Amino acid sequence: MSLGVLAVVVSLDNLVASLVYSLVGLAVFVAGLFIFRLIMPFDVHKEIEVDQNTALGIVMGSFIIGLAIIVAAAISG
């Protein structure tokens, strides 16, 4: 029985690799955000939420996007 174009073949090796890459990617994000907060000379949480510092929000968002591009490039080879 043919399922056509929507058929998905899932092997155990691919599933395990996806889980490992997901966990490694999340660990890199957590470490990156922790380092970002450490190197800033002020409290990032206070600046963004209390003082409504839009510029810091843009910088932090840019950092997250840049980190995501690096992790995606590392995963895809």
C-alpha atoms as a PDB file:
ATOM      1  CA  MET A   1       0.000   0.000   0.000  1.00  0.00           C
ATOM      2  CA  SER A   2       1.534   3.292  -1.104  1.00  0.00           C
ATOM      3  CA  LEU A   3       0.996   6.351   1.069  1.00  0.00           C
ATOM      4  CA  GLY A   4       2.310   8.752  -1.553  1.00  0.00           C
ATOM      5  CA  VAL A   5       4.167  11.997  -0.978  1.00  0.00           C
ATOM      6  CA  LEU A   6       3.085  12.377   2.652  1.00  0.00           C
ATOM      7  CA  ALA A   7       4.671   9.113   3.746  1.00  0.00           C
ATOM      8  CA  VAL A   8       7.351   9.624   6.367  1.00  0.00           C
ATOM      9  CA  VAL A   9      10.021   7.067   7.083  1.00  0.00           C
ATOM     10  CA  VAL A  10      11.287   7.323  10.645  1.00  0.00           C
ATOM     11  CA  SER A  11      14.176   5.208  11.763  1.00  0.00           C
ATOM     12  CA  LEU A  12      15.422   4.877  15.315  1.00  0.00           C
ATOM     13  CA  ASP A  13      18.857   6.257  14.373  1.00  0.00           C
ATOM     14  CA  ASN A  14      17.339   9.440  12.937  1.00  0.00           C
ATOM     15  CA  LEU A  15      15.097   9.880  15.960  1.00  0.00           C
ATOM     16  CA  VAL A  16      18.007   9.521  18.393  1.00  0.00           C
ATOM     17  CA  ALA A  17      20.148  11.918  16.333  1.00  0.00           C
ATOM     18  CA  SER A  18      17.343  14.494  16.327  1.00  0.00           C
ATOM     19  CA  LEU A  19      16.939  14.248  20.083  1.00  0.00           C
ATOM     20  CA  VAL A  20      20.694  14.570  20.672  1.00  0.00           C
ATOM     21  CA  TYR A  21      20.982  17.596  18.370  1.00  0.00           C
ATOM     22  CA  SER A  22      17.960  19.192  20.050  1.00  0.00           C
ATOM     23  CA  LEU A  23      19.437  18.736  23.515  1.00  0.00           C
ATOM     24  CA  VAL A  24      22.853  20.011  22.432  1.00  0.00           C
ATOM     25  CA  GLY A  25      21.234  23.020  20.735  1.00  0.00           C
ATOM     26  CA  LEU A  26      19.222  23.855  23.859  1.00  0.00           C
ATOM     27  CA  ALA A  27      22.333  23.510  26.026  1.00  0.00           C
ATOM     28  CA  VAL A  28      24.206  25.903  23.725  1.00  0.00           C
ATOM     29  CA  PHE A  29      21.352  28.422  23.944  1.00  0.00           C
ATOM     30  CA  VAL A  30      21.213  28.242  27.734  1.00  0.00           C
ATOM     31  CA  ALA A  31      24.990  28.585  28.008  1.00  0.00           C
ATOM     32  CA  GLY A  32      25.000  31.473  25.530  1.00  0.00           C
ATOM     33  CA  LEU A  33      22.284  33.375  27.367  1.00  0.00           C
ATOM     34  CA  PHE A  34      24.011  32.752  30.703  1.00  0.00           C
ATOM     35  CA  ILE A  35      27.296  34.105  29.315  1.00  0.00           C
ATOM     36  CA  PHE A  36      25.445  37.068  27.760  1.00  0.00           C
ATOM     37  CA  ARG A  37      23.977  37.955  31.143  1.00  0.00           C
ATOM     38  CA  LEU A  38      27.368  37.547  32.833  1.00  0.00           C
ATOM     39  CA  ILE A  39      29.272  39.865  30.507  1.00  0.00           C
ATOM     40  CA  MET A  40      26.698  42.664  30.652  1.00  0.00           C
ATOM     41  CA  PRO A  41      27.597  45.274  33.313  1.00  0.00           C
ATOM     42  CA  PHE A  42      23.923  45.610  34.338  1.00  0.00           C
ATOM     43  CA  ASP A  43      20.928  43.432  35.179  1.00  0.00           C
ATOM     44  CA  VAL A  44      19.488  42.375  31.811  1.00  0.00           C
ATOM     45  CA  HIS A  45      16.139  41.306  33.289  1.00  0.00           C
ATOM     46  CA  LYS A  46      15.627  44.682  34.986  1.00  0.00           C
ATOM     47  CA  GLU A  47      16.671  46.635  31.901  1.00  0.00           C
ATOM     48  CA  ILE A  48      14.292  44.805  29.572  1.00  0.00           C
ATOM     49  CA  GLU A  49      11.234  44.292  31.780  1.00  0.00           C
ATOM     50  CA  VAL A  50      11.273  47.183  34.227  1.00  0.00           C
ATOM     51  CA  ASP A  51      13.011  49.951  32.260  1.00  0.00           C
ATOM     52  CA  GLN A  52      11.576  48.837  28.873  1.00  0.00           C
ATOM     53  CA  ASN A  53      14.999  49.104  27.176  1.00  0.00           C
ATOM     54  CA  THR A  54      14.103  48.399  23.536  1.00  0.00           C
ATOM     55  CA  ALA A  55      17.695  48.655  22.312  1.00  0.00           C
ATOM     56  CA  LEU A  56      18.812  45.906  24.681  1.00  0.00           C
ATOM     57  CA  GLY A  57      15.898  43.757  23.548  1.00  0.00           C
ATOM     58  CA  ILE A  58      17.016  44.163  19.933  1.00  0.00           C
ATOM     59  CA  VAL A  59      20.629  43.318  20.830  1.00  0.00           C
ATOM     60  CA  MET A  60      19.542  40.242  22.775  1.00  0.00           C
ATOM     61  CA  GLY A  61      17.255  39.123  19.945  1.00  0.00           C
ATOM     62  CA  SER A  62      20.108  39.558  17.467  1.00  0.00           C
ATOM     63  CA  PHE A  63      22.345  37.478  19.710  1.00  0.00           C
ATOM     64  CA  ILE A  64      19.748  34.701  19.842  1.00  0.00           C
ATOM     65  CA  ILE A  65      19.271  34.723  16.045  1.00  0.00           C
ATOM     66  CA  GLY A  66      23.038  34.658  15.488  1.00  0.00           C
ATOM     67  CA  LEU A  67      23.415  31.753  17.894  1.00  0.00           C
ATOM     68  CA  ALA A  68      20.570  29.909  16.159  1.00  0.00           C
ATOM     69  CA  ILE A  69      22.283  30.334  12.775  1.00  0.00           C
ATOM     70  CA  ILE A  70      25.529  28.931  14.167  1.00  0.00           C
ATOM     71  CA  VAL A  71      23.767  25.934  15.777  1.00  0.00           C
ATOM     72  CA  ALA A  72      21.786  25.247  12.581  1.00  0.00           C
ATOM     73  CA  ALA A  73      24.967  25.371  10.483  1.00  0.00           C
ATOM     74  CA  ALA A  74      26.704  22.987  12.892  1.00  0.00           C
ATOM     75  CA  ILE A  75      23.794  20.540  12.755  1.00  0.00           C
ATOM     76  CA  SER A  76      23.440  20.566   8.972  1.00  0.00           C
ATOM     77  CA  GLY A  77      27.158  20.031   8.495  1.00  0.00           C
END
